[in-house]
Amino acid sequence: MSMGDPAAFIRANTMLHEPPLVPEVKLHLASEIVPIWQMTEEELEKSGLPPPFWAFAWAGGQALARYILDHPETVAGKRVLDFGAGSGMIGIAAMKANAASVLSVDIDPFAAASIHLNAEVNGVSLNVATDDIVGSANGGWDVILIGDMCYERPLAERIETWVHSLVDGGATAYIGDPGRTYLPKSGLEKIVSYAVKTTRELEDTDVRNTSVWRVI
């Protein structure tokens, strides 16, 4: 299967699944983690594409999506940024919770294709972009949602500085995180925690204790 057509690649290498903590959302996800990862790693050498983070429902994203669905007032009627969107799970949850609009941003074009496919399956409409927007001015967002993005120090530090600037400007921001190493140690208020079922092919445990944090 050529990777020249991201949507075709996704359809051929994923199946529709309901994440354990968010069964209201259907996503094109990898059923067999290692083969799709290896397939895209082979292509990495030729094209420089990032690993297929879009093919998995990560614990931090599931927790944040669950919180939004259980507390729709968080996003209802508001303009939402779903940053580092991956599969689009969080943005889809926000639209199901009656957000006025959602911009799902991920620099991976395969993630963008995945978001479009998943939005269609769930009967919602999302705006999708692949720009690196870290450090940019607020694009009109009332709420910023970030799921499981604190896994590399340089990226986490860039995001932390940027998101605090958006919050200082009046936006509200939430982070879903299962205890990644580079989650900021300050400037966060824990809102809720969930036990999220995962797989040892992705994580070092079958269940991750995962929290939703508000940036303060």
N, C-alpha and C. Protein backbone atom coordinates (compact mmCIF):
# COMPACT_ATOMS: atom_id res chain seq x y z
N MET A 1 0.84 -1.19 0.00
CA MET A 1 0.00 0.00 0.00
C MET A 1 0.88 1.25 0.00
N SER A 2 0.73 2.08 -1.03
CA SER A 2 1.48 3.32 -1.09
C SER A 2 1.00 4.29 -0.02
N MET A 3 1.94 5.10 0.48
CA MET A 3 1.56 6.11 1.45
C MET A 3 1.34 7.46 0.78
N GLY A 4 1.26 7.47 -0.56
CA GLY A 4 1.01 8.72 -1.27
C GLY A 4 -0.39 9.24 -1.06
N ASP A 5 -1.32 8.39 -0.68
CA ASP A 5 -2.70 8.78 -0.40
C ASP A 5 -2.98 8.47 1.06
N PRO A 6 -2.86 9.46 1.94
CA PRO A 6 -3.02 9.18 3.38
C PRO A 6 -4.37 8.55 3.73
N ALA A 7 -5.45 9.03 3.14
CA ALA A 7 -6.77 8.49 3.47
C ALA A 7 -6.87 7.03 3.08
N ALA A 8 -6.34 6.67 1.91
CA ALA A 8 -6.37 5.27 1.47
C ALA A 8 -5.52 4.40 2.38
N PHE A 9 -4.36 4.92 2.78
CA PHE A 9 -3.49 4.18 3.69
C PHE A 9 -4.20 3.92 5.02
N ILE A 10 -4.86 4.94 5.55
CA ILE A 10 -5.56 4.80 6.83
C ILE A 10 -6.68 3.77 6.72
N ARG A 11 -7.47 3.85 5.68
CA ARG A 11 -8.57 2.89 5.50
C ARG A 11 -8.04 1.46 5.41
N ALA A 12 -6.89 1.28 4.75
CA ALA A 12 -6.35 -0.05 4.52
C ALA A 12 -5.68 -0.65 5.76
N ASN A 13 -5.24 0.21 6.69
CA ASN A 13 -4.42 -0.27 7.79
C ASN A 13 -5.02 -0.04 9.17
N THR A 14 -6.28 0.33 9.21
CA THR A 14 -6.95 0.53 10.50
C THR A 14 -8.34 -0.11 10.45
N MET A 15 -8.96 -0.18 11.61
CA MET A 15 -10.35 -0.60 11.73
C MET A 15 -11.06 0.38 12.64
N LEU A 16 -12.38 0.46 12.53
CA LEU A 16 -13.13 1.34 13.41
C LEU A 16 -13.21 0.72 14.80
N HIS A 17 -12.81 1.50 15.80
CA HIS A 17 -12.84 1.06 17.18
C HIS A 17 -13.48 2.14 18.04
N GLU A 18 -13.96 1.73 19.20
CA GLU A 18 -14.45 2.66 20.21
C GLU A 18 -13.45 2.65 21.36
N PRO A 19 -12.79 3.77 21.64
CA PRO A 19 -11.84 3.79 22.75
C PRO A 19 -12.52 3.38 24.05
N PRO A 20 -11.83 2.63 24.92
CA PRO A 20 -12.47 2.09 26.13
C PRO A 20 -13.16 3.13 27.00
N LEU A 21 -12.53 4.30 27.16
CA LEU A 21 -13.10 5.31 28.05
C LEU A 21 -14.08 6.23 27.33
N VAL A 22 -14.10 6.17 25.98
CA VAL A 22 -14.93 7.09 25.21
C VAL A 22 -15.69 6.32 24.13
N PRO A 23 -16.59 5.41 24.52
CA PRO A 23 -17.28 4.59 23.52
C PRO A 23 -18.22 5.38 22.63
N GLU A 24 -18.50 6.63 22.99
CA GLU A 24 -19.36 7.47 22.14
C GLU A 24 -18.68 7.87 20.83
N VAL A 25 -17.38 7.71 20.76
CA VAL A 25 -16.60 8.15 19.61
C VAL A 25 -16.02 6.94 18.88
N LYS A 26 -16.22 6.88 17.57
CA LYS A 26 -15.63 5.82 16.74
C LYS A 26 -14.43 6.40 16.00
N LEU A 27 -13.34 5.63 15.98
CA LEU A 27 -12.11 6.09 15.37
C LEU A 27 -11.48 5.02 14.50
N HIS A 28 -10.82 5.45 13.42
CA HIS A 28 -9.97 4.55 12.64
C HIS A 28 -8.67 4.36 13.41
N LEU A 29 -8.49 3.18 14.00
CA LEU A 29 -7.31 2.92 14.83
C LEU A 29 -6.61 1.65 14.37
N ALA A 30 -5.34 1.56 14.68
CA ALA A 30 -4.56 0.37 14.34
C ALA A 30 -4.98 -0.79 15.23
N SER A 31 -5.28 -1.92 14.61
CA SER A 31 -5.62 -3.12 15.37
C SER A 31 -4.38 -3.85 15.82
N GLU A 32 -3.38 -3.89 14.95
CA GLU A 32 -2.12 -4.54 15.26
C GLU A 32 -1.06 -3.46 15.28
N ILE A 33 -0.62 -3.12 16.48
CA ILE A 33 0.20 -1.93 16.65
C ILE A 33 1.54 -2.04 15.93
N VAL A 34 2.22 -3.15 16.10
CA VAL A 34 3.57 -3.23 15.58
C VAL A 34 3.62 -3.15 14.05
N PRO A 35 2.79 -3.87 13.29
CA PRO A 35 2.89 -3.79 11.83
C PRO A 35 2.72 -2.38 11.27
N ILE A 36 1.73 -1.62 11.74
CA ILE A 36 1.53 -0.29 11.17
C ILE A 36 2.68 0.62 11.58
N TRP A 37 3.19 0.45 12.78
CA TRP A 37 4.32 1.26 13.21
C TRP A 37 5.54 0.96 12.34
N GLN A 38 5.81 -0.31 12.09
CA GLN A 38 6.96 -0.67 11.27
C GLN A 38 6.78 -0.19 9.84
N MET A 39 5.55 -0.28 9.34
CA MET A 39 5.29 0.14 7.97
C MET A 39 5.62 1.61 7.79
N THR A 40 5.19 2.41 8.73
CA THR A 40 5.46 3.84 8.61
C THR A 40 6.91 4.17 8.96
N GLU A 41 7.53 3.40 9.83
CA GLU A 41 8.94 3.63 10.12
C GLU A 41 9.79 3.41 8.87
N GLU A 42 9.44 2.41 8.07
CA GLU A 42 10.16 2.18 6.82
C GLU A 42 10.06 3.39 5.92
N GLU A 43 8.88 3.99 5.88
CA GLU A 43 8.68 5.16 5.05
C GLU A 43 9.36 6.40 5.63
N LEU A 44 9.56 6.39 6.94
CA LEU A 44 10.22 7.54 7.58
C LEU A 44 11.58 7.82 6.93
N GLU A 45 12.30 6.76 6.62
CA GLU A 45 13.63 6.93 6.06
C GLU A 45 13.58 7.64 4.70
N LYS A 46 12.47 7.48 4.01
CA LYS A 46 12.35 8.06 2.67
C LYS A 46 11.69 9.44 2.70
N SER A 47 10.73 9.63 3.60
CA SER A 47 9.90 10.83 3.52
C SER A 47 9.97 11.73 4.75
N GLY A 48 10.53 11.24 5.86
CA GLY A 48 10.62 12.06 7.06
C GLY A 48 9.31 12.23 7.79
N LEU A 49 8.34 11.37 7.53
CA LEU A 49 7.06 11.47 8.22
C LEU A 49 7.20 11.03 9.68
N PRO A 50 6.43 11.65 10.57
CA PRO A 50 6.49 11.23 11.98
C PRO A 50 5.80 9.89 12.19
N PRO A 51 6.05 9.23 13.33
CA PRO A 51 5.37 7.97 13.64
C PRO A 51 3.86 8.18 13.68
N PRO A 52 3.09 7.10 13.53
CA PRO A 52 1.62 7.22 13.41
C PRO A 52 0.90 7.37 14.74
N PHE A 53 1.17 8.47 15.43
CA PHE A 53 0.48 8.72 16.69
C PHE A 53 -1.03 8.80 16.50
N TRP A 54 -1.45 9.17 15.29
CA TRP A 54 -2.88 9.28 14.97
C TRP A 54 -3.60 7.94 15.01
N ALA A 55 -2.87 6.84 14.99
CA ALA A 55 -3.49 5.51 14.87
C ALA A 55 -3.87 4.91 16.21
N PHE A 56 -3.67 5.66 17.31
CA PHE A 56 -3.92 5.11 18.64
C PHE A 56 -4.68 6.12 19.49
N ALA A 57 -5.54 5.61 20.37
CA ALA A 57 -6.29 6.46 21.29
C ALA A 57 -5.51 6.54 22.60
N TRP A 58 -4.63 7.51 22.69
CA TRP A 58 -3.73 7.63 23.84
C TRP A 58 -4.51 7.99 25.10
N ALA A 59 -3.95 7.57 26.25
CA ALA A 59 -4.67 7.70 27.51
C ALA A 59 -5.03 9.15 27.84
N GLY A 60 -4.09 10.07 27.63
CA GLY A 60 -4.38 11.47 27.94
C GLY A 60 -5.51 12.02 27.11
N GLY A 61 -5.56 11.64 25.85
CA GLY A 61 -6.64 12.08 24.98
C GLY A 61 -7.98 11.50 25.39
N GLN A 62 -7.97 10.22 25.78
CA GLN A 62 -9.22 9.60 26.22
C GLN A 62 -9.76 10.29 27.47
N ALA A 63 -8.89 10.60 28.41
CA ALA A 63 -9.33 11.25 29.64
C ALA A 63 -9.94 12.61 29.36
N LEU A 64 -9.28 13.40 28.51
CA LEU A 64 -9.79 14.73 28.21
C LEU A 64 -11.10 14.66 27.43
N ALA A 65 -11.19 13.73 26.49
CA ALA A 65 -12.45 13.56 25.75
C ALA A 65 -13.58 13.14 26.68
N ARG A 66 -13.28 12.24 27.62
CA ARG A 66 -14.29 11.79 28.59
C ARG A 66 -14.78 12.97 29.44
N TYR A 67 -13.85 13.79 29.88
CA TYR A 67 -14.22 14.93 30.71
C TYR A 67 -15.12 15.89 29.94
N ILE A 68 -14.79 16.13 28.69
CA ILE A 68 -15.59 17.06 27.87
C ILE A 68 -17.01 16.51 27.67
N LEU A 69 -17.12 15.23 27.38
CA LEU A 69 -18.44 14.65 27.17
C LEU A 69 -19.27 14.66 28.45
N ASP A 70 -18.61 14.47 29.59
CA ASP A 70 -19.32 14.48 30.87
C ASP A 70 -19.61 15.89 31.37
N HIS A 71 -18.86 16.87 30.87
CA HIS A 71 -19.02 18.27 31.28
C HIS A 71 -19.09 19.15 30.03
N PRO A 72 -20.16 19.04 29.27
CA PRO A 72 -20.24 19.75 27.99
C PRO A 72 -20.16 21.27 28.14
N GLU A 73 -20.48 21.78 29.32
CA GLU A 73 -20.40 23.23 29.52
C GLU A 73 -18.98 23.75 29.34
N THR A 74 -18.01 22.85 29.41
CA THR A 74 -16.61 23.23 29.20
C THR A 74 -16.39 23.84 27.83
N VAL A 75 -17.12 23.34 26.84
CA VAL A 75 -16.89 23.78 25.45
C VAL A 75 -18.15 24.26 24.75
N ALA A 76 -19.32 24.03 25.31
CA ALA A 76 -20.58 24.35 24.61
C ALA A 76 -20.62 25.82 24.20
N GLY A 77 -20.88 26.05 22.92
CA GLY A 77 -20.98 27.40 22.39
C GLY A 77 -19.67 28.13 22.25
N LYS A 78 -18.54 27.42 22.45
CA LYS A 78 -17.24 28.08 22.44
C LYS A 78 -16.41 27.64 21.23
N ARG A 79 -15.43 28.46 20.91
CA ARG A 79 -14.49 28.16 19.82
C ARG A 79 -13.30 27.41 20.42
N VAL A 80 -13.05 26.23 19.92
CA VAL A 80 -12.12 25.30 20.56
C VAL A 80 -10.94 25.02 19.64
N LEU A 81 -9.74 24.99 20.24
CA LEU A 81 -8.54 24.50 19.57
C LEU A 81 -8.19 23.14 20.14
N ASP A 82 -8.14 22.12 19.28
CA ASP A 82 -7.68 20.78 19.64
C ASP A 82 -6.26 20.67 19.12
N PHE A 83 -5.29 20.83 20.02
CA PHE A 83 -3.88 20.94 19.62
C PHE A 83 -3.18 19.59 19.72
N GLY A 84 -2.37 19.26 18.70
CA GLY A 84 -1.73 17.95 18.65
C GLY A 84 -2.78 16.88 18.52
N ALA A 85 -3.70 17.08 17.58
CA ALA A 85 -4.99 16.39 17.58
C ALA A 85 -4.91 14.89 17.31
N GLY A 86 -3.89 14.43 16.60
CA GLY A 86 -3.79 12.99 16.34
C GLY A 86 -4.97 12.45 15.57
N SER A 87 -5.76 11.60 16.21
CA SER A 87 -6.94 11.00 15.57
C SER A 87 -8.11 11.96 15.50
N GLY A 88 -8.06 13.07 16.24
CA GLY A 88 -9.18 13.99 16.30
C GLY A 88 -10.19 13.67 17.38
N MET A 89 -9.86 12.69 18.23
CA MET A 89 -10.80 12.22 19.25
C MET A 89 -11.31 13.36 20.15
N ILE A 90 -10.41 14.22 20.61
CA ILE A 90 -10.81 15.28 21.53
C ILE A 90 -11.68 16.30 20.82
N GLY A 91 -11.31 16.68 19.62
CA GLY A 91 -12.12 17.63 18.86
C GLY A 91 -13.49 17.09 18.54
N ILE A 92 -13.56 15.81 18.22
CA ILE A 92 -14.86 15.18 17.95
C ILE A 92 -15.72 15.21 19.20
N ALA A 93 -15.10 14.90 20.36
CA ALA A 93 -15.84 14.97 21.61
C ALA A 93 -16.36 16.38 21.86
N ALA A 94 -15.53 17.38 21.56
CA ALA A 94 -15.96 18.77 21.75
C ALA A 94 -17.15 19.12 20.88
N MET A 95 -17.15 18.67 19.64
CA MET A 95 -18.29 18.94 18.76
C MET A 95 -19.53 18.20 19.24
N LYS A 96 -19.37 16.98 19.74
CA LYS A 96 -20.50 16.26 20.30
C LYS A 96 -21.04 16.97 21.55
N ALA A 97 -20.18 17.74 22.21
CA ALA A 97 -20.59 18.51 23.40
C ALA A 97 -21.04 19.92 23.02
N ASN A 98 -21.29 20.13 21.72
CA ASN A 98 -21.89 21.37 21.22
C ASN A 98 -20.96 22.57 21.24
N ALA A 99 -19.66 22.33 20.98
CA ALA A 99 -18.77 23.46 20.74
C ALA A 99 -19.25 24.23 19.52
N ALA A 100 -19.02 25.55 19.51
CA ALA A 100 -19.41 26.35 18.36
C ALA A 100 -18.58 25.97 17.13
N SER A 101 -17.30 25.72 17.35
CA SER A 101 -16.40 25.30 16.27
C SER A 101 -15.17 24.66 16.89
N VAL A 102 -14.50 23.82 16.11
CA VAL A 102 -13.26 23.19 16.56
C VAL A 102 -12.24 23.29 15.43
N LEU A 103 -11.05 23.74 15.77
CA LEU A 103 -9.90 23.65 14.88
C LEU A 103 -8.98 22.58 15.44
N SER A 104 -8.81 21.49 14.69
CA SER A 104 -7.92 20.40 15.08
C SER A 104 -6.61 20.58 14.34
N VAL A 105 -5.53 20.72 15.09
CA VAL A 105 -4.22 21.00 14.50
C VAL A 105 -3.25 19.87 14.81
N ASP A 106 -2.61 19.36 13.76
CA ASP A 106 -1.55 18.36 13.91
C ASP A 106 -0.63 18.51 12.71
N ILE A 107 0.69 18.55 12.95
CA ILE A 107 1.62 18.81 11.85
C ILE A 107 1.76 17.63 10.90
N ASP A 108 1.25 16.46 11.27
CA ASP A 108 1.34 15.25 10.44
C ASP A 108 0.18 15.23 9.44
N PRO A 109 0.45 15.22 8.14
CA PRO A 109 -0.64 15.17 7.16
C PRO A 109 -1.47 13.90 7.25
N PHE A 110 -0.88 12.81 7.75
CA PHE A 110 -1.66 11.59 7.95
C PHE A 110 -2.64 11.78 9.09
N ALA A 111 -2.24 12.49 10.12
CA ALA A 111 -3.18 12.82 11.20
C ALA A 111 -4.33 13.65 10.65
N ALA A 112 -4.03 14.62 9.80
CA ALA A 112 -5.08 15.46 9.22
C ALA A 112 -6.08 14.61 8.44
N ALA A 113 -5.58 13.65 7.66
CA ALA A 113 -6.47 12.77 6.92
C ALA A 113 -7.29 11.91 7.88
N SER A 114 -6.65 11.44 8.95
CA SER A 114 -7.36 10.64 9.96
C SER A 114 -8.47 11.45 10.61
N ILE A 115 -8.19 12.71 10.94
CA ILE A 115 -9.20 13.56 11.56
C ILE A 115 -10.40 13.73 10.65
N HIS A 116 -10.16 13.99 9.38
CA HIS A 116 -11.27 14.14 8.43
C HIS A 116 -12.11 12.87 8.38
N LEU A 117 -11.45 11.71 8.29
CA LEU A 117 -12.18 10.44 8.21
C LEU A 117 -12.97 10.19 9.49
N ASN A 118 -12.36 10.44 10.63
CA ASN A 118 -13.03 10.18 11.90
C ASN A 118 -14.18 11.15 12.14
N ALA A 119 -14.01 12.40 11.74
CA ALA A 119 -15.11 13.36 11.88
C ALA A 119 -16.31 12.92 11.06
N GLU A 120 -16.05 12.44 9.85
CA GLU A 120 -17.14 11.98 8.98
C GLU A 120 -17.88 10.80 9.61
N VAL A 121 -17.13 9.84 10.15
CA VAL A 121 -17.74 8.68 10.79
C VAL A 121 -18.65 9.09 11.95
N ASN A 122 -18.23 10.14 12.67
CA ASN A 122 -18.97 10.57 13.85
C ASN A 122 -20.00 11.65 13.56
N GLY A 123 -20.14 12.01 12.30
CA GLY A 123 -21.18 12.96 11.92
C GLY A 123 -20.96 14.37 12.42
N VAL A 124 -19.69 14.78 12.55
CA VAL A 124 -19.39 16.14 12.98
C VAL A 124 -18.48 16.80 11.95
N SER A 125 -18.38 18.10 12.03
CA SER A 125 -17.54 18.87 11.11
C SER A 125 -16.45 19.58 11.89
N LEU A 126 -15.21 19.35 11.51
CA LEU A 126 -14.07 20.00 12.15
C LEU A 126 -13.27 20.76 11.11
N ASN A 127 -12.66 21.85 11.52
CA ASN A 127 -11.63 22.49 10.71
C ASN A 127 -10.30 21.83 11.06
N VAL A 128 -9.46 21.60 10.07
CA VAL A 128 -8.21 20.87 10.28
C VAL A 128 -7.06 21.67 9.67
N ALA A 129 -5.95 21.76 10.41
CA ALA A 129 -4.76 22.45 9.91
C ALA A 129 -3.51 21.66 10.29
N THR A 130 -2.45 21.82 9.50
CA THR A 130 -1.19 21.13 9.75
C THR A 130 -0.05 22.11 10.03
N ASP A 131 -0.38 23.35 10.34
CA ASP A 131 0.64 24.35 10.64
C ASP A 131 1.24 24.12 12.03
N ASP A 132 2.49 24.51 12.21
CA ASP A 132 3.10 24.56 13.54
C ASP A 132 2.69 25.89 14.16
N ILE A 133 1.70 25.85 15.02
CA ILE A 133 1.14 27.09 15.55
C ILE A 133 1.69 27.45 16.93
N VAL A 134 2.58 26.64 17.47
CA VAL A 134 3.13 26.94 18.79
C VAL A 134 3.84 28.29 18.75
N GLY A 135 3.46 29.17 19.66
CA GLY A 135 4.02 30.51 19.70
C GLY A 135 3.18 31.55 18.98
N SER A 136 2.15 31.10 18.27
CA SER A 136 1.31 32.04 17.53
C SER A 136 0.34 32.76 18.47
N ALA A 137 -0.22 33.85 17.99
CA ALA A 137 -1.25 34.57 18.74
C ALA A 137 -2.53 33.75 18.76
N ASN A 138 -3.41 34.06 19.69
CA ASN A 138 -4.70 33.37 19.77
C ASN A 138 -5.48 33.60 18.48
N GLY A 139 -5.91 32.50 17.88
CA GLY A 139 -6.66 32.58 16.63
C GLY A 139 -8.15 32.69 16.84
N GLY A 140 -8.56 33.21 17.98
CA GLY A 140 -9.98 33.34 18.28
C GLY A 140 -10.53 32.22 19.12
N TRP A 141 -9.64 31.45 19.78
CA TRP A 141 -10.07 30.29 20.55
C TRP A 141 -10.44 30.68 21.98
N ASP A 142 -11.56 30.15 22.43
CA ASP A 142 -11.96 30.32 23.83
C ASP A 142 -11.35 29.24 24.72
N VAL A 143 -11.22 28.04 24.16
CA VAL A 143 -10.76 26.88 24.92
C VAL A 143 -9.68 26.15 24.12
N ILE A 144 -8.58 25.82 24.79
CA ILE A 144 -7.51 25.04 24.17
C ILE A 144 -7.46 23.69 24.86
N LEU A 145 -7.47 22.62 24.07
CA LEU A 145 -7.46 21.25 24.58
C LEU A 145 -6.21 20.54 24.09
N ILE A 146 -5.46 19.93 25.02
CA ILE A 146 -4.19 19.29 24.68
C ILE A 146 -4.17 17.91 25.31
N GLY A 147 -4.07 16.87 24.49
CA GLY A 147 -4.07 15.51 24.99
C GLY A 147 -2.74 14.81 24.80
N ASP A 148 -2.08 14.45 25.90
CA ASP A 148 -0.91 13.57 25.87
C ASP A 148 0.23 14.11 24.98
N MET A 149 0.64 15.34 25.24
CA MET A 149 1.70 15.95 24.42
C MET A 149 2.99 16.20 25.19
N CYS A 150 3.11 15.70 26.42
CA CYS A 150 4.27 16.04 27.26
C CYS A 150 5.27 14.90 27.30
N TYR A 151 5.59 14.33 26.15
CA TYR A 151 6.46 13.16 26.10
C TYR A 151 7.89 13.49 25.66
N GLU A 152 8.13 14.73 25.21
CA GLU A 152 9.49 15.16 24.85
C GLU A 152 9.73 16.52 25.47
N ARG A 153 10.90 16.71 26.08
CA ARG A 153 11.16 17.95 26.82
C ARG A 153 11.06 19.21 25.95
N PRO A 154 11.75 19.31 24.80
CA PRO A 154 11.69 20.56 24.05
C PRO A 154 10.26 20.93 23.64
N LEU A 155 9.51 19.95 23.17
CA LEU A 155 8.13 20.21 22.75
C LEU A 155 7.28 20.64 23.94
N ALA A 156 7.41 19.91 25.05
CA ALA A 156 6.60 20.23 26.23
C ALA A 156 6.90 21.63 26.73
N GLU A 157 8.16 22.03 26.71
CA GLU A 157 8.51 23.37 27.19
C GLU A 157 7.98 24.45 26.26
N ARG A 158 8.03 24.22 24.96
CA ARG A 158 7.47 25.18 24.00
C ARG A 158 5.97 25.34 24.22
N ILE A 159 5.30 24.20 24.37
CA ILE A 159 3.85 24.23 24.56
C ILE A 159 3.50 24.95 25.86
N GLU A 160 4.23 24.66 26.93
CA GLU A 160 3.94 25.26 28.23
C GLU A 160 3.99 26.78 28.15
N THR A 161 5.05 27.31 27.58
CA THR A 161 5.19 28.76 27.48
C THR A 161 4.08 29.37 26.65
N TRP A 162 3.78 28.73 25.52
CA TRP A 162 2.75 29.24 24.61
C TRP A 162 1.36 29.21 25.24
N VAL A 163 1.01 28.07 25.83
CA VAL A 163 -0.33 27.93 26.40
C VAL A 163 -0.54 28.91 27.55
N HIS A 164 0.47 29.11 28.36
CA HIS A 164 0.33 30.09 29.45
C HIS A 164 0.09 31.50 28.88
N SER A 165 0.71 31.81 27.75
CA SER A 165 0.46 33.12 27.14
C SER A 165 -0.97 33.24 26.66
N LEU A 166 -1.54 32.15 26.14
CA LEU A 166 -2.93 32.16 25.70
C LEU A 166 -3.88 32.29 26.90
N VAL A 167 -3.56 31.60 27.98
CA VAL A 167 -4.39 31.69 29.19
C VAL A 167 -4.31 33.09 29.78
N ASP A 168 -3.12 33.66 29.78
CA ASP A 168 -2.96 35.03 30.28
C ASP A 168 -3.80 36.01 29.45
N GLY A 169 -4.03 35.66 28.19
CA GLY A 169 -4.83 36.50 27.31
C GLY A 169 -6.32 36.27 27.42
N GLY A 170 -6.74 35.33 28.28
CA GLY A 170 -8.16 35.13 28.52
C GLY A 170 -8.73 33.79 28.11
N ALA A 171 -7.93 32.94 27.45
CA ALA A 171 -8.42 31.62 27.06
C ALA A 171 -8.39 30.67 28.25
N THR A 172 -9.12 29.58 28.13
CA THR A 172 -9.08 28.48 29.10
C THR A 172 -8.40 27.30 28.44
N ALA A 173 -7.52 26.62 29.18
CA ALA A 173 -6.80 25.50 28.59
C ALA A 173 -6.82 24.30 29.52
N TYR A 174 -6.97 23.12 28.91
CA TYR A 174 -6.99 21.86 29.64
C TYR A 174 -5.99 20.90 29.01
N ILE A 175 -5.33 20.12 29.86
CA ILE A 175 -4.37 19.12 29.42
C ILE A 175 -4.80 17.76 29.96
N GLY A 176 -4.84 16.75 29.10
CA GLY A 176 -5.05 15.37 29.53
C GLY A 176 -3.70 14.67 29.52
N ASP A 177 -3.31 14.08 30.65
CA ASP A 177 -1.96 13.51 30.73
C ASP A 177 -1.92 12.33 31.70
N PRO A 178 -1.26 11.21 31.29
CA PRO A 178 -1.17 10.02 32.15
C PRO A 178 0.12 9.95 32.94
N GLY A 179 0.67 11.10 33.29
CA GLY A 179 1.91 11.10 34.06
C GLY A 179 3.15 11.07 33.21
N ARG A 180 3.12 11.71 32.04
CA ARG A 180 4.32 11.76 31.20
C ARG A 180 5.42 12.55 31.91
N THR A 181 6.63 12.24 31.54
CA THR A 181 7.79 12.78 32.24
C THR A 181 7.83 14.31 32.22
N TYR A 182 7.41 14.91 31.13
CA TYR A 182 7.62 16.35 30.98
C TYR A 182 6.35 17.17 31.17
N LEU A 183 5.36 16.59 31.84
CA LEU A 183 4.21 17.39 32.25
C LEU A 183 4.72 18.49 33.19
N PRO A 184 4.32 19.75 32.98
CA PRO A 184 4.79 20.82 33.87
C PRO A 184 4.52 20.50 35.33
N LYS A 185 5.46 20.90 36.18
CA LYS A 185 5.35 20.63 37.61
C LYS A 185 4.58 21.71 38.36
N SER A 186 4.27 22.81 37.67
CA SER A 186 3.53 23.90 38.30
C SER A 186 2.63 24.54 37.25
N GLY A 187 1.74 25.42 37.71
CA GLY A 187 0.86 26.12 36.80
C GLY A 187 -0.32 25.29 36.32
N LEU A 188 -0.62 24.20 37.05
CA LEU A 188 -1.72 23.32 36.68
C LEU A 188 -2.59 23.04 37.89
N GLU A 189 -3.88 22.88 37.65
CA GLU A 189 -4.83 22.48 38.68
C GLU A 189 -5.51 21.19 38.25
N LYS A 190 -5.39 20.13 39.07
CA LYS A 190 -6.01 18.86 38.70
C LYS A 190 -7.52 18.96 38.82
N ILE A 191 -8.21 18.52 37.77
CA ILE A 191 -9.67 18.57 37.73
C ILE A 191 -10.29 17.21 38.06
N VAL A 192 -9.76 16.16 37.46
CA VAL A 192 -10.32 14.83 37.64
C VAL A 192 -9.29 13.80 37.19
N SER A 193 -9.42 12.57 37.67
CA SER A 193 -8.55 11.47 37.23
C SER A 193 -9.40 10.28 36.82
N TYR A 194 -8.89 9.51 35.87
CA TYR A 194 -9.56 8.32 35.37
C TYR A 194 -8.55 7.17 35.29
N ALA A 195 -9.03 5.96 35.44
CA ALA A 195 -8.23 4.77 35.14
C ALA A 195 -8.52 4.39 33.69
N VAL A 196 -7.54 4.54 32.83
CA VAL A 196 -7.73 4.32 31.40
C VAL A 196 -7.10 3.00 30.99
N LYS A 197 -7.91 2.10 30.43
CA LYS A 197 -7.38 0.84 29.93
C LYS A 197 -6.48 1.10 28.73
N THR A 198 -5.33 0.45 28.70
CA THR A 198 -4.41 0.63 27.60
C THR A 198 -3.85 -0.75 27.22
N THR A 199 -2.76 -0.77 26.51
CA THR A 199 -2.13 -2.02 26.10
C THR A 199 -0.65 -1.94 26.34
N ARG A 200 -0.03 -3.06 26.68
CA ARG A 200 1.41 -3.07 26.94
C ARG A 200 2.22 -2.89 25.66
N GLU A 201 1.58 -2.95 24.51
CA GLU A 201 2.29 -2.63 23.28
C GLU A 201 2.54 -1.12 23.16
N LEU A 202 1.73 -0.33 23.87
CA LEU A 202 1.90 1.12 23.87
C LEU A 202 2.48 1.64 25.17
N GLU A 203 2.06 1.05 26.28
CA GLU A 203 2.43 1.55 27.60
C GLU A 203 3.11 0.44 28.40
N ASP A 204 3.55 0.78 29.62
CA ASP A 204 4.20 -0.21 30.47
C ASP A 204 3.24 -0.83 31.47
N THR A 205 1.95 -0.63 31.26
CA THR A 205 0.93 -1.16 32.16
C THR A 205 -0.38 -1.33 31.40
N ASP A 206 -1.30 -2.10 31.97
CA ASP A 206 -2.59 -2.31 31.31
C ASP A 206 -3.58 -1.19 31.61
N VAL A 207 -3.33 -0.43 32.66
CA VAL A 207 -4.20 0.68 33.04
C VAL A 207 -3.32 1.86 33.42
N ARG A 208 -3.63 3.04 32.89
CA ARG A 208 -2.90 4.24 33.24
C ARG A 208 -3.79 5.17 34.04
N ASN A 209 -3.33 5.59 35.21
CA ASN A 209 -4.04 6.61 35.97
C ASN A 209 -3.79 7.95 35.28
N THR A 210 -4.83 8.53 34.74
CA THR A 210 -4.71 9.67 33.84
C THR A 210 -5.54 10.82 34.34
N SER A 211 -4.96 12.02 34.34
CA SER A 211 -5.64 13.18 34.89
C SER A 211 -5.92 14.24 33.84
N VAL A 212 -6.94 15.03 34.11
CA VAL A 212 -7.23 16.25 33.35
C VAL A 212 -6.82 17.42 34.23
N TRP A 213 -6.05 18.31 33.65
CA TRP A 213 -5.52 19.48 34.36
C TRP A 213 -6.00 20.76 33.68
N ARG A 214 -6.32 21.77 34.47
CA ARG A 214 -6.59 23.10 33.94
C ARG A 214 -5.34 23.95 34.12
N VAL A 215 -4.95 24.65 33.06
CA VAL A 215 -3.79 25.52 33.12
C VAL A 215 -4.17 26.80 33.85
N ILE A 216 -3.39 27.17 34.86
CA ILE A 216 -3.70 28.36 35.67
C ILE A 216 -2.54 29.35 35.63
